[in-house]
PDB file of N, CA and C in Angstrom:
ATOM      1  N   MET A   1      80.147-216.066  13.967  1.00  0.00           N
ATOM      2  CA  MET A   1      81.552-215.657  13.396  1.00  0.00           C
ATOM      3  C   MET A   1      81.563-214.268  12.546  1.00  0.00           C
ATOM      4  N   LYS A   2      82.606-213.664  13.028  1.00  0.00           N
ATOM      5  CA  LYS A   2      83.060-212.372  12.349  1.00  0.00           C
ATOM      6  C   LYS A   2      83.844-212.959  11.005  1.00  0.00           C
ATOM      7  N   ILE A   3      83.451-212.577   9.670  1.00  0.00           N
ATOM      8  CA  ILE A   3      84.420-212.975   8.756  1.00  0.00           C
ATOM      9  C   ILE A   3      85.577-211.722   8.555  1.00  0.00           C
ATOM     10  N   ASN A   4      86.638-212.141   8.373  1.00  0.00           N
ATOM     11  CA  ASN A   4      87.820-211.249   8.030  1.00  0.00           C
ATOM     12  C   ASN A   4      87.851-210.962   6.765  1.00  0.00           C
ATOM     13  N   VAL A   5      87.421-209.909   5.951  1.00  0.00           N
ATOM     14  CA  VAL A   5      87.950-209.652   4.810  1.00  0.00           C
ATOM     15  C   VAL A   5      89.021-209.094   4.616  1.00  0.00           C
ATOM     16  N   LYS A   6      90.229-209.544   3.939  1.00  0.00           N
ATOM     17  CA  LYS A   6      91.293-208.686   4.047  1.00  0.00           C
ATOM     18  C   LYS A   6      91.334-207.623   3.222  1.00  0.00           C
ATOM     19  N   ARG A   7      90.965-207.837   1.822  1.00  0.00           N
ATOM     20  CA  ARG A   7      90.891-206.659   0.857  1.00  0.00           C
ATOM     21  C   ARG A   7      90.283-207.052  -0.667  1.00  0.00           C
ATOM     22  N   LEU A   8      89.967-206.565  -1.501  1.00  0.00           N
ATOM     23  CA  LEU A   8      89.147-207.108  -2.578  1.00  0.00           C
ATOM     24  C   LEU A   8      90.386-207.431  -3.529  1.00  0.00           C
ATOM     25  N   ASP A   9      90.029-208.845  -3.707  1.00  0.00           N
ATOM     26  CA  ASP A   9      91.142-209.368  -4.645  1.00  0.00           C
ATOM     27  C   ASP A   9      91.003-208.812  -5.969  1.00  0.00           C
ATOM     28  N   HIS A  10      89.809-209.114  -6.883  1.00  0.00           N
ATOM     29  CA  HIS A  10      89.962-208.897  -8.131  1.00  0.00           C
ATOM     30  C   HIS A  10      88.079-208.631  -8.282  1.00  0.00           C
ATOM     31  N   ILE A  11      87.805-208.099  -9.723  1.00  0.00           N
ATOM     32  CA  ILE A  11      86.405-208.250 -10.104  1.00  0.00           C
ATOM     33  C   ILE A  11      86.147-208.765 -11.501  1.00  0.00           C
ATOM     34  N   GLN A  12      85.458-209.493 -11.738  1.00  0.00           N
ATOM     35  CA  GLN A  12      84.953-209.853 -12.949  1.00  0.00           C
ATOM     36  C   GLN A  12      84.198-209.381 -13.948  1.00  0.00           C
ATOM     37  N   ILE A  13      84.302-208.787 -14.834  1.00  0.00           N
ATOM     38  CA  ILE A  13      83.477-208.606 -15.930  1.00  0.00           C
ATOM     39  C   ILE A  13      83.542-209.158 -16.781  1.00  0.00           C
ATOM     40  N   CYS A  14      81.950-209.359 -17.590  1.00  0.00           N
ATOM     41  CA  CYS A  14      81.996-210.335 -18.639  1.00  0.00           C
ATOM     42  C   CYS A  14      81.792-209.820 -19.728  1.00  0.00           C
ATOM     43  N   ILE A  15      82.214-210.422 -20.985  1.00  0.00           N
ATOM     44  CA  ILE A  15      82.084-210.086 -22.497  1.00  0.00           C
ATOM     45  C   ILE A  15      81.298-211.046 -23.298  1.00  0.00           C
ATOM     46  N   PRO A  16      80.774-210.788 -24.547  1.00  0.00           N
ATOM     47  CA  PRO A  16      80.396-211.905 -25.259  1.00  0.00           C
ATOM     48  C   PRO A  16      81.512-212.485 -25.752  1.00  0.00           C
ATOM     49  N   THR A  17      81.315-214.049 -26.247  1.00  0.00           N
ATOM     50  CA  THR A  17      82.402-215.044 -26.559  1.00  0.00           C
ATOM     51  C   THR A  17      82.717-214.227 -28.023  1.00  0.00           C
ATOM     52  N   GLU A  18      83.917-214.352 -28.499  1.00  0.00           N
ATOM     53  CA  GLU A  18      84.488-213.827 -29.909  1.00  0.00           C
ATOM     54  C   GLU A  18      84.761-212.424 -29.460  1.00  0.00           C
ATOM     55  N   LYS A  19      84.410-211.648 -28.610  1.00  0.00           N
ATOM     56  CA  LYS A  19      84.893-210.377 -28.654  1.00  0.00           C
ATOM     57  C   LYS A  19      85.932-209.682 -27.986  1.00  0.00           C
ATOM     58  N   GLU A  20      86.993-210.757 -27.624  1.00  0.00           N
ATOM     59  CA  GLU A  20      88.126-210.475 -27.010  1.00  0.00           C
ATOM     60  C   GLU A  20      89.108-209.208 -27.883  1.00  0.00           C
ATOM     61  N   ASP A  21      89.025-209.141 -29.185  1.00  0.00           N
ATOM     62  CA  ASP A  21      90.020-208.030 -29.684  1.00  0.00           C
ATOM     63  C   ASP A  21      89.065-206.905 -29.390  1.00  0.00           C
ATOM     64  N   ILE A  22      87.971-206.537 -29.090  1.00  0.00           N
ATOM     65  CA  ILE A  22      87.573-205.390 -28.983  1.00  0.00           C
ATOM     66  C   ILE A  22      87.717-205.129 -27.262  1.00  0.00           C
ATOM     67  N   ALA A  23      87.551-206.042 -26.459  1.00  0.00           N
ATOM     68  CA  ALA A  23      87.931-205.831 -24.903  1.00  0.00           C
ATOM     69  C   ALA A  23      89.158-205.498 -24.760  1.00  0.00           C
ATOM     70  N   ARG A  24      90.258-206.212 -25.499  1.00  0.00           N
ATOM     71  CA  ARG A  24      91.725-205.799 -25.328  1.00  0.00           C
ATOM     72  C   ARG A  24      91.785-204.340 -25.667  1.00  0.00           C
ATOM     73  N   ALA A  25      91.183-203.837 -27.017  1.00  0.00           N
ATOM     74  CA  ALA A  25      91.317-202.385 -27.510  1.00  0.00           C
ATOM     75  C   ALA A  25      90.911-201.726 -26.196  1.00  0.00           C
ATOM     76  N   PHE A  26      89.608-201.844 -25.673  1.00  0.00           N
ATOM     77  CA  PHE A  26      89.426-201.132 -24.600  1.00  0.00           C
ATOM     78  C   PHE A  26      90.115-201.076 -23.402  1.00  0.00           C
ATOM     79  N   TYR A  27      90.028-201.995 -22.591  1.00  0.00           N
ATOM     80  CA  TYR A  27      90.748-202.228 -21.325  1.00  0.00           C
ATOM     81  C   TYR A  27      91.979-201.849 -21.448  1.00  0.00           C
ATOM     82  N   LEU A  28      92.975-202.476 -22.637  1.00  0.00           N
ATOM     83  CA  LEU A  28      94.415-202.340 -22.367  1.00  0.00           C
ATOM     84  C   LEU A  28      94.777-201.283 -23.158  1.00  0.00           C
ATOM     85  N   ASP A  29      94.550-201.059 -24.769  1.00  0.00           N
ATOM     86  CA  ASP A  29      95.058-199.763 -25.370  1.00  0.00           C
ATOM     87  C   ASP A  29      94.283-198.349 -24.905  1.00  0.00           C
ATOM     88  N   LEU A  30      93.133-198.566 -24.489  1.00  0.00           N
ATOM     89  CA  LEU A  30      92.432-196.938 -24.550  1.00  0.00           C
ATOM     90  C   LEU A  30      92.434-196.672 -22.959  1.00  0.00           C
ATOM     91  N   LEU A  31      92.311-197.965 -22.119  1.00  0.00           N
ATOM     92  CA  LEU A  31      92.395-197.530 -20.490  1.00  0.00           C
ATOM     93  C   LEU A  31      93.686-197.611 -20.118  1.00  0.00           C
ATOM     94  N   GLY A  32      94.321-198.218 -20.868  1.00  0.00           N
ATOM     95  CA  GLY A  32      95.635-198.554 -20.050  1.00  0.00           C
ATOM     96  C   GLY A  32      96.048-199.179 -19.262  1.00  0.00           C
ATOM     97  N   GLY A  33      95.030-200.592 -19.004  1.00  0.00           N
ATOM     98  CA  GLY A  33      95.566-201.631 -18.317  1.00  0.00           C
ATOM     99  C   GLY A  33      96.744-202.589 -18.509  1.00  0.00           C
ATOM    100  N   LEU A  34      97.121-203.167 -17.795  1.00  0.00           N
ATOM    101  CA  LEU A  34      98.700-204.112 -17.822  1.00  0.00           C
ATOM    102  C   LEU A  34      97.826-205.364 -18.139  1.00  0.00           C
ATOM    103  N   GLU A  35      98.301-206.183 -18.959  1.00  0.00           N
ATOM    104  CA  GLU A  35      97.799-207.251 -19.279  1.00  0.00           C
ATOM    105  C   GLU A  35      98.713-208.203 -18.236  1.00  0.00           C
ATOM    106  N   ILE A  36      97.847-209.304 -17.273  1.00  0.00           N
ATOM    107  CA  ILE A  36      98.490-210.134 -16.335  1.00  0.00           C
ATOM    108  C   ILE A  36      98.444-211.524 -17.046  1.00  0.00           C
ATOM    109  N   GLU A  37      99.489-212.548 -16.635  1.00  0.00           N
ATOM    110  CA  GLU A  37      99.157-213.773 -17.202  1.00  0.00           C
ATOM    111  C   GLU A  37      97.966-214.555 -16.312  1.00  0.00           C
ATOM    112  N   LYS A  38      97.272-215.223 -17.378  1.00  0.00           N
ATOM    113  CA  LYS A  38      96.299-215.843 -16.667  1.00  0.00           C
ATOM    114  C   LYS A  38      96.595-217.527 -15.807  1.00  0.00           C
ATOM    115  N   PRO A  39      95.932-217.926 -15.062  1.00  0.00           N
ATOM    116  CA  PRO A  39      96.197-219.283 -14.698  1.00  0.00           C
ATOM    117  C   PRO A  39      96.038-220.297 -15.795  1.00  0.00           C
ATOM    118  N   GLU A  40      97.039-221.329 -16.164  1.00  0.00           N
ATOM    119  CA  GLU A  40      97.185-222.149 -17.295  1.00  0.00           C
ATOM    120  C   GLU A  40      95.669-222.925 -17.188  1.00  0.00           C
ATOM    121  N   ALA A  41      95.051-223.478 -15.901  1.00  0.00           N
ATOM    122  CA  ALA A  41      93.918-224.176 -15.959  1.00  0.00           C
ATOM    123  C   ALA A  41      92.576-223.288 -16.159  1.00  0.00           C
ATOM    124  N   LEU A  42      92.482-222.099 -16.552  1.00  0.00           N
ATOM    125  CA  LEU A  42      91.481-221.121 -16.891  1.00  0.00           C
ATOM    126  C   LEU A  42      91.414-220.592 -18.482  1.00  0.00           C
ATOM    127  N   LYS A  43      92.806-220.508 -18.883  1.00  0.00           N
ATOM    128  CA  LYS A  43      93.233-220.398 -20.177  1.00  0.00           C
ATOM    129  C   LYS A  43      91.867-220.739 -21.122  1.00  0.00           C
ATOM    130  N   LYS A  44      91.582-221.841 -20.900  1.00  0.00           N
ATOM    131  CA  LYS A  44      90.512-222.674 -21.852  1.00  0.00           C
ATOM    132  C   LYS A  44      89.395-221.946 -21.866  1.00  0.00           C
ATOM    133  N   ASN A  45      88.943-221.062 -20.817  1.00  0.00           N
ATOM    134  CA  ASN A  45      87.522-220.333 -20.735  1.00  0.00           C
ATOM    135  C   ASN A  45      87.605-219.018 -21.441  1.00  0.00           C
ATOM    136  N   GLY A  46      88.737-218.533 -22.077  1.00  0.00           N
ATOM    137  CA  GLY A  46      89.078-217.273 -22.886  1.00  0.00           C
ATOM    138  C   GLY A  46      88.664-216.189 -21.976  1.00  0.00           C
ATOM    139  N   GLY A  47      88.772-215.073 -22.460  1.00  0.00           N
ATOM    140  CA  GLY A  47      89.170-213.905 -21.537  1.00  0.00           C
ATOM    141  C   GLY A  47      90.470-213.616 -21.527  1.00  0.00           C
ATOM    142  N   PHE A  48      90.918-212.857 -20.635  1.00  0.00           N
ATOM    143  CA  PHE A  48      92.150-212.297 -19.924  1.00  0.00           C
ATOM    144  C   PHE A  48      92.078-211.780 -18.761  1.00  0.00           C
ATOM    145  N   TRP A  49      93.396-210.977 -18.007  1.00  0.00           N
ATOM    146  CA  TRP A  49      93.406-210.747 -16.818  1.00  0.00           C
ATOM    147  C   TRP A  49      94.178-209.556 -17.171  1.00  0.00           C
ATOM    148  N   PHE A  50      94.165-208.365 -16.482  1.00  0.00           N
ATOM    149  CA  PHE A  50      94.938-207.259 -16.177  1.00  0.00           C
ATOM    150  C   PHE A  50      94.708-206.681 -15.199  1.00  0.00           C
ATOM    151  N   GLN A  51      95.804-205.899 -14.555  1.00  0.00           N
ATOM    152  CA  GLN A  51      96.110-205.190 -13.625  1.00  0.00           C
ATOM    153  C   GLN A  51      95.507-203.456 -14.061  1.00  0.00           C
ATOM    154  N   PHE A  52      94.671-202.831 -12.718  1.00  0.00           N
ATOM    155  CA  PHE A  52      93.879-201.850 -13.265  1.00  0.00           C
ATOM    156  C   PHE A  52      94.109-200.833 -11.849  1.00  0.00           C
ATOM    157  N   GLY A  53      94.759-200.106 -11.633  1.00  0.00           N
ATOM    158  CA  GLY A  53      94.792-199.366 -10.562  1.00  0.00           C
ATOM    159  C   GLY A  53      94.919-200.101  -9.310  1.00  0.00           C
ATOM    160  N   GLY A  54      95.754-201.031  -9.249  1.00  0.00           N
ATOM    161  CA  GLY A  54      96.067-201.813  -8.159  1.00  0.00           C
ATOM    162  C   GLY A  54      95.263-202.689  -7.722  1.00  0.00           C
ATOM    163  N   VAL A  55      94.012-203.201  -8.541  1.00  0.00           N
ATOM    164  CA  VAL A  55      93.260-204.244  -8.353  1.00  0.00           C
ATOM    165  C   VAL A  55      93.251-205.059  -9.728  1.00  0.00           C
ATOM    166  N   GLN A  56      93.355-206.573  -9.788  1.00  0.00           N
ATOM    167  CA  GLN A  56      93.009-207.262 -10.834  1.00  0.00           C
ATOM    168  C   GLN A  56      91.845-207.297 -11.458  1.00  0.00           C
ATOM    169  N   VAL A  57      91.731-207.218 -12.647  1.00  0.00           N
ATOM    170  CA  VAL A  57      90.110-207.172 -13.464  1.00  0.00           C
ATOM    171  C   VAL A  57      90.413-208.236 -14.471  1.00  0.00           C
ATOM    172  N   HIS A  58      89.307-209.218 -14.362  1.00  0.00           N
ATOM    173  CA  HIS A  58      89.350-210.345 -14.964  1.00  0.00           C
ATOM    174  C   HIS A  58      88.234-210.099 -15.861  1.00  0.00           C
ATOM    175  N   ILE A  59      88.726-210.422 -17.473  1.00  0.00           N
ATOM    176  CA  ILE A  59      87.396-210.405 -18.287  1.00  0.00           C
ATOM    177  C   ILE A  59      87.369-211.751 -18.730  1.00  0.00           C
ATOM    178  N   GLY A  60      86.103-212.051 -18.425  1.00  0.00           N
ATOM    179  CA  GLY A  60      85.464-213.348 -18.687  1.00  0.00           C
ATOM    180  C   GLY A  60      84.502-213.575 -20.168  1.00  0.00           C
ATOM    181  N   ALA A  61      85.046-214.270 -20.850  1.00  0.00           N
ATOM    182  CA  ALA A  61      84.142-214.576 -22.207  1.00  0.00           C
ATOM    183  C   ALA A  61      82.944-215.466 -21.873  1.00  0.00           C
ATOM    184  N   GLU A  62      81.541-215.122 -22.257  1.00  0.00           N
ATOM    185  CA  GLU A  62      80.638-216.097 -21.577  1.00  0.00           C
ATOM    186  C   GLU A  62      79.465-215.809 -23.164  1.00  0.00           C
ATOM    187  N   GLU A  63      78.718-217.035 -23.116  1.00  0.00           N
ATOM    188  CA  GLU A  63      77.262-216.493 -24.012  1.00  0.00           C
ATOM    189  C   GLU A  63      76.691-215.428 -22.607  1.00  0.00           C
ATOM    190  N   MET A  64      76.193-214.132 -22.850  1.00  0.00           N
ATOM    191  CA  MET A  64      75.623-213.455 -22.212  1.00  0.00           C
ATOM    192  C   MET A  64      74.020-213.160 -21.925  1.00  0.00           C
ATOM    193  N   THR A  65      73.783-213.851 -20.792  1.00  0.00           N
ATOM    194  CA  THR A  65      72.167-214.119 -20.606  1.00  0.00           C
ATOM    195  C   THR A  65      71.886-213.550 -19.249  1.00  0.00           C
ATOM    196  N   GLU A  66      70.677-213.012 -18.815  1.00  0.00           N
ATOM    197  CA  GLU A  66      70.068-212.467 -17.846  1.00  0.00           C
ATOM    198  C   GLU A  66      70.360-213.004 -16.528  1.00  0.00           C
ATOM    199  N   THR A  67      70.322-214.907 -16.893  1.00  0.00           N
ATOM    200  CA  THR A  67      70.102-215.399 -15.601  1.00  0.00           C
ATOM    201  C   THR A  67      71.499-216.097 -14.974  1.00  0.00           C
ATOM    202  N   THR A  68      72.508-216.260 -15.740  1.00  0.00           N
ATOM    203  CA  THR A  68      73.684-216.731 -15.326  1.00  0.00           C
ATOM    204  C   THR A  68      74.584-216.091 -15.705  1.00  0.00           C
ATOM    205  N   SER A  69      76.019-215.902 -14.948  1.00  0.00           N
ATOM    206  CA  SER A  69      77.015-215.053 -15.380  1.00  0.00           C
ATOM    207  C   SER A  69      78.268-215.528 -14.568  1.00  0.00           C
ATOM    208  N   LYS A  70      79.459-215.298 -15.119  1.00  0.00           N
ATOM    209  CA  LYS A  70      80.664-215.330 -14.527  1.00  0.00           C
ATOM    210  C   LYS A  70      80.903-214.175 -13.407  1.00  0.00           C
ATOM    211  N   ARG A  71      80.391-213.222 -13.698  1.00  0.00           N
ATOM    212  CA  ARG A  71      80.207-211.479 -13.158  1.00  0.00           C
ATOM    213  C   ARG A  71      80.524-211.804 -11.696  1.00  0.00           C
ATOM    214  N   HIS A  72      81.514-210.998 -10.500  1.00  0.00           N
ATOM    215  CA  HIS A  72      81.613-211.458  -9.581  1.00  0.00           C
ATOM    216  C   HIS A  72      82.712-210.350  -9.076  1.00  0.00           C
ATOM    217  N   PRO A  73      82.400-210.204  -7.616  1.00  0.00           N
ATOM    218  CA  PRO A  73      83.844-209.563  -6.955  1.00  0.00           C
ATOM    219  C   PRO A  73      84.298-210.393  -6.295  1.00  0.00           C
ATOM    220  N   ALA A  74      85.428-210.494  -5.907  1.00  0.00           N
ATOM    221  CA  ALA A  74      86.016-211.419  -5.047  1.00  0.00           C
ATOM    222  C   ALA A  74      86.857-210.956  -4.144  1.00  0.00           C
ATOM    223  N   PHE A  75      86.928-211.586  -2.911  1.00  0.00           N
ATOM    224  CA  PHE A  75      87.513-211.071  -1.790  1.00  0.00           C
ATOM    225  C   PHE A  75      88.432-211.945  -0.871  1.00  0.00           C
ATOM    226  N   GLU A  76      89.581-211.393  -0.547  1.00  0.00           N
ATOM    227  CA  GLU A  76      90.446-212.366  -0.050  1.00  0.00           C
ATOM    228  C   GLU A  76      90.067-212.288   1.435  1.00  0.00           C
ATOM    229  N   VAL A  77      90.210-213.455   2.042  1.00  0.00           N
ATOM    230  CA  VAL A  77      89.331-213.784   3.463  1.00  0.00           C
ATOM    231  C   VAL A  77      90.392-214.518   4.396  1.00  0.00           C
ATOM    232  N   GLU A  78      90.505-214.387   5.576  1.00  0.00           N
ATOM    233  CA  GLU A  78      91.057-215.276   6.659  1.00  0.00           C
ATOM    234  C   GLU A  78      90.003-216.633   7.043  1.00  0.00           C
ATOM    235  N   ASN A  79      90.937-217.813   6.961  1.00  0.00           N
ATOM    236  CA  ASN A  79      90.167-219.182   7.521  1.00  0.00           C
ATOM    237  C   ASN A  79      88.820-219.449   6.734  1.00  0.00           C
ATOM    238  N   LEU A  80      89.396-219.786   5.430  1.00  0.00           N
ATOM    239  CA  LEU A  80      88.281-219.846   4.374  1.00  0.00           C
ATOM    240  C   LEU A  80      87.534-220.901   4.629  1.00  0.00           C
ATOM    241  N   ASN A  81      88.003-222.063   5.173  1.00  0.00           N
ATOM    242  CA  ASN A  81      86.903-223.276   5.404  1.00  0.00           C
ATOM    243  C   ASN A  81      86.040-222.744   6.544  1.00  0.00           C
ATOM    244  N   GLU A  82      86.072-222.308   7.350  1.00  0.00           N
ATOM    245  CA  GLU A  82      85.706-222.121   8.698  1.00  0.00           C
ATOM    246  C   GLU A  82      84.300-221.079   8.033  1.00  0.00           C
ATOM    247  N   VAL A  83      84.630-219.901   7.098  1.00  0.00           N
ATOM    248  CA  VAL A  83      83.929-219.313   6.674  1.00  0.00           C
ATOM    249  C   VAL A  83      82.572-219.788   6.036  1.00  0.00           C
ATOM    250  N   ARG A  84      83.373-220.731   5.134  1.00  0.00           N
ATOM    251  CA  ARG A  84      82.447-221.532   4.377  1.00  0.00           C
ATOM    252  C   ARG A  84      81.665-222.436   4.972  1.00  0.00           C
ATOM    253  N   LYS A  85      81.964-223.057   6.262  1.00  0.00           N
ATOM    254  CA  LYS A  85      81.087-223.834   7.171  1.00  0.00           C
ATOM    255  C   LYS A  85      80.271-222.866   7.723  1.00  0.00           C
ATOM    256  N   PHE A  86      80.425-221.861   8.086  1.00  0.00           N
ATOM    257  CA  PHE A  86      79.654-220.577   8.787  1.00  0.00           C
ATOM    258  C   PHE A  86      78.282-220.361   7.899  1.00  0.00           C
ATOM    259  N   LEU A  87      78.840-219.833   6.221  1.00  0.00           N
ATOM    260  CA  LEU A  87      77.900-219.872   5.570  1.00  0.00           C
ATOM    261  C   LEU A  87      76.881-220.359   5.357  1.00  0.00           C
ATOM    262  N   GLU A  88      77.522-221.889   5.197  1.00  0.00           N
ATOM    263  CA  GLU A  88      76.625-223.283   4.966  1.00  0.00           C
ATOM    264  C   GLU A  88      75.362-223.296   5.835  1.00  0.00           C
ATOM    265  N   GLY A  89      76.385-223.301   7.445  1.00  0.00           N
ATOM    266  CA  GLY A  89      75.162-223.597   8.436  1.00  0.00           C
ATOM    267  C   GLY A  89      74.126-222.101   8.721  1.00  0.00           C
ATOM    268  N   ASN A  90      74.299-221.415   7.489  1.00  0.00           N
ATOM    269  CA  ASN A  90      73.507-220.451   7.755  1.00  0.00           C
ATOM    270  C   ASN A  90      72.456-220.127   6.418  1.00  0.00           C
ATOM    271  N   ASN A  91      72.236-221.643   5.638  1.00  0.00           N
ATOM    272  CA  ASN A  91      71.474-221.947   4.699  1.00  0.00           C
ATOM    273  C   ASN A  91      72.102-220.928   3.558  1.00  0.00           C
ATOM    274  N   VAL A  92      73.283-220.595   3.192  1.00  0.00           N
ATOM    275  CA  VAL A  92      73.719-219.775   2.055  1.00  0.00           C
ATOM    276  C   VAL A  92      74.233-221.178   1.262  1.00  0.00           C
ATOM    277  N   LEU A  93      73.876-220.814  -0.075  1.00  0.00           N
ATOM    278  CA  LEU A  93      74.319-221.535  -1.382  1.00  0.00           C
ATOM    279  C   LEU A  93      75.650-221.307  -1.333  1.00  0.00           C
ATOM    280  N   THR A  94      76.345-222.662  -1.639  1.00  0.00           N
ATOM    281  CA  THR A  94      77.801-222.395  -1.978  1.00  0.00           C
ATOM    282  C   THR A  94      78.124-223.134  -3.167  1.00  0.00           C
ATOM    283  N   LYS A  95      79.119-222.991  -3.879  1.00  0.00           N
ATOM    284  CA  LYS A  95      79.637-224.027  -4.889  1.00  0.00           C
ATOM    285  C   LYS A  95      81.459-224.126  -5.003  1.00  0.00           C
ATOM    286  N   ASP A  96      81.622-225.200  -5.403  1.00  0.00           N
ATOM    287  CA  ASP A  96      83.060-225.186  -5.780  1.00  0.00           C
ATOM    288  C   ASP A  96      83.373-224.424  -6.996  1.00  0.00           C
ATOM    289  N   ASP A  97      84.473-223.929  -7.302  1.00  0.00           N
ATOM    290  CA  ASP A  97      85.265-223.060  -8.363  1.00  0.00           C
ATOM    291  C   ASP A  97      86.752-223.949  -8.807  1.00  0.00           C
ATOM    292  N   ALA A  98      86.897-223.263 -10.046  1.00  0.00           N
ATOM    293  CA  ALA A  98      88.068-224.154 -10.551  1.00  0.00           C
ATOM    294  C   ALA A  98      89.177-224.125  -9.553  1.00  0.00           C
ATOM    295  N   GLU A  99      90.200-225.112  -9.734  1.00  0.00           N
ATOM    296  CA  GLU A  99      91.236-225.004  -8.888  1.00  0.00           C
ATOM    297  C   GLU A  99      92.345-223.836  -9.664  1.00  0.00           C
ATOM    298  N   ILE A 100      93.095-223.413  -8.712  1.00  0.00           N
ATOM    299  CA  ILE A 100      93.651-222.323  -9.420  1.00  0.00           C
ATOM    300  C   ILE A 100      95.325-222.713  -8.120  1.00  0.00           C
ATOM    301  N   PRO A 101      96.186-222.848  -8.721  1.00  0.00           N
ATOM    302  CA  PRO A 101      97.340-222.935  -7.845  1.00  0.00           C
ATOM    303  C   PRO A 101      97.630-221.910  -6.883  1.00  0.00           C
ATOM    304  N   ASN A 102      97.941-222.606  -5.870  1.00  0.00           N
ATOM    305  CA  ASN A 102      98.252-221.485  -4.633  1.00  0.00           C
ATOM    306  C   ASN A 102      97.065-220.842  -3.946  1.00  0.00           C
ATOM    307  N   VAL A 103      96.073-220.935  -4.301  1.00  0.00           N
ATOM    308  CA  VAL A 103      94.691-220.441  -3.986  1.00  0.00           C
ATOM    309  C   VAL A 103      93.785-221.471  -3.432  1.00  0.00           C
ATOM    310  N   SER A 104      92.913-221.386  -2.488  1.00  0.00           N
ATOM    311  CA  SER A 104      91.831-221.832  -2.176  1.00  0.00           C
ATOM    312  C   SER A 104      90.538-221.183  -2.559  1.00  0.00           C
ATOM    313  N   LEU A 105      89.699-221.326  -2.730  1.00  0.00           N
ATOM    314  CA  LEU A 105      88.320-220.407  -2.929  1.00  0.00           C
ATOM    315  C   LEU A 105      86.833-221.294  -3.366  1.00  0.00           C
ATOM    316  N   PHE A 106      85.850-220.313  -3.336  1.00  0.00           N
ATOM    317  CA  PHE A 106      84.649-220.861  -3.464  1.00  0.00           C
ATOM    318  C   PHE A 106      84.031-219.778  -3.523  1.00  0.00           C
ATOM    319  N   SER A 107      82.479-219.782  -4.509  1.00  0.00           N
ATOM    320  CA  SER A 107      81.328-218.717  -4.220  1.00  0.00           C
ATOM    321  C   SER A 107      80.254-219.283  -3.765  1.00  0.00           C
ATOM    322  N   PHE A 108      79.413-218.190  -3.359  1.00  0.00           N
ATOM    323  CA  PHE A 108      78.098-218.634  -2.934  1.00  0.00           C
ATOM    324  C   PHE A 108      77.451-217.263  -3.294  1.00  0.00           C
ATOM    325  N   PHE A 109      76.224-217.413  -3.162  1.00  0.00           N
ATOM    326  CA  PHE A 109      75.305-216.436  -3.986  1.00  0.00           C
ATOM    327  C   PHE A 109      74.455-215.808  -2.558  1.00  0.00           C
ATOM    328  N   ASP A 110      74.620-214.545  -2.748  1.00  0.00           N
ATOM    329  CA  ASP A 110      73.267-213.598  -2.074  1.00  0.00           C
ATOM    330  C   ASP A 110      71.661-214.044  -2.053  1.00  0.00           C
ATOM    331  N   PRO A 111      71.055-213.606  -1.485  1.00  0.00           N
ATOM    332  CA  PRO A 111      69.460-213.682  -1.713  1.00  0.00           C
ATOM    333  C   PRO A 111      68.908-213.486  -2.952  1.00  0.00           C
ATOM    334  N   PHE A 112      69.861-212.887  -3.577  1.00  0.00           N
ATOM    335  CA  PHE A 112      68.999-212.135  -4.962  1.00  0.00           C
ATOM    336  C   PHE A 112      69.740-212.919  -6.196  1.00  0.00           C
ATOM    337  N   MET A 113      71.105-214.314  -5.780  1.00  0.00           N
ATOM    338  CA  MET A 113      71.552-214.738  -6.556  1.00  0.00           C
ATOM    339  C   MET A 113      72.936-214.155  -7.220  1.00  0.00           C
ATOM    340  N   ASN A 114      73.182-213.105  -6.612  1.00  0.00           N
ATOM    341  CA  ASN A 114      74.519-212.243  -7.005  1.00  0.00           C
ATOM    342  C   ASN A 114      75.748-213.457  -6.476  1.00  0.00           C
ATOM    343  N   ARG A 115      76.384-213.627  -7.606  1.00  0.00           N
ATOM    344  CA  ARG A 115      77.512-214.395  -7.127  1.00  0.00           C
ATOM    345  C   ARG A 115      78.749-213.631  -6.389  1.00  0.00           C
ATOM    346  N   ILE A 116      79.145-213.929  -5.247  1.00  0.00           N
ATOM    347  CA  ILE A 116      80.358-213.602  -4.842  1.00  0.00           C
ATOM    348  C   ILE A 116      81.604-214.800  -4.380  1.00  0.00           C
ATOM    349  N   GLU A 117      82.566-214.339  -4.558  1.00  0.00           N
ATOM    350  CA  GLU A 117      83.915-215.269  -4.654  1.00  0.00           C
ATOM    351  C   GLU A 117      84.564-214.910  -3.002  1.00  0.00           C
ATOM    352  N   PHE A 118      84.974-216.031  -2.129  1.00  0.00           N
ATOM    353  CA  PHE A 118      85.906-215.708  -1.233  1.00  0.00           C
ATOM    354  C   PHE A 118      87.003-216.494  -1.446  1.00  0.00           C
ATOM    355  N   LEU A 119      88.484-216.005  -1.442  1.00  0.00           N
ATOM    356  CA  LEU A 119      89.162-216.957  -1.628  1.00  0.00           C
ATOM    357  C   LEU A 119      90.570-216.385  -0.219  1.00  0.00           C
ATOM    358  N   GLU A 120      91.538-217.709  -0.242  1.00  0.00           N
ATOM    359  CA  GLU A 120      92.481-217.349   0.795  1.00  0.00           C
ATOM    360  C   GLU A 120      93.762-217.878  -0.086  1.00  0.00           C
ATOM    361  N   LYS A 121      94.846-217.357  -0.144  1.00  0.00           N
ATOM    362  CA  LYS A 121      95.950-217.650  -0.678  1.00  0.00           C
ATOM    363  C   LYS A 121      97.020-218.602   0.301  1.00  0.00           C
ATOM    364  N   ASN A 122      97.355-219.534  -0.372  1.00  0.00           N
ATOM    365  CA  ASN A 122      98.082-220.732   0.356  1.00  0.00           C
ATOM    366  C   ASN A 122      99.494-220.286   0.464  1.00  0.00           C
TER     367      ASN A 122
END
């Protein structure tokens, strides 16, 4: 199966919890990012989203460790369900992600446990 990646949808950068003020000053004030509304279902997780050079950047707040992280690129693809079946059929570890209105998505892991997200807008 050929996976048709349409575009890079967003990247996620992580910051330590309780450091949003510093991140906002850097990414919004200093670099000039334009804050965009984060979906209601994700607001409880902390962090914020902004637009930067035509790409969304999601700032995620988490306890920073070396072995787990929310950091990831997200790619918009076509035929998301078929892509997931294809990956799982090739022994690629996948996981469900939080539900977002009008978006279907899942994450998967490369052989080095780097998280990658695929999504399809409904």
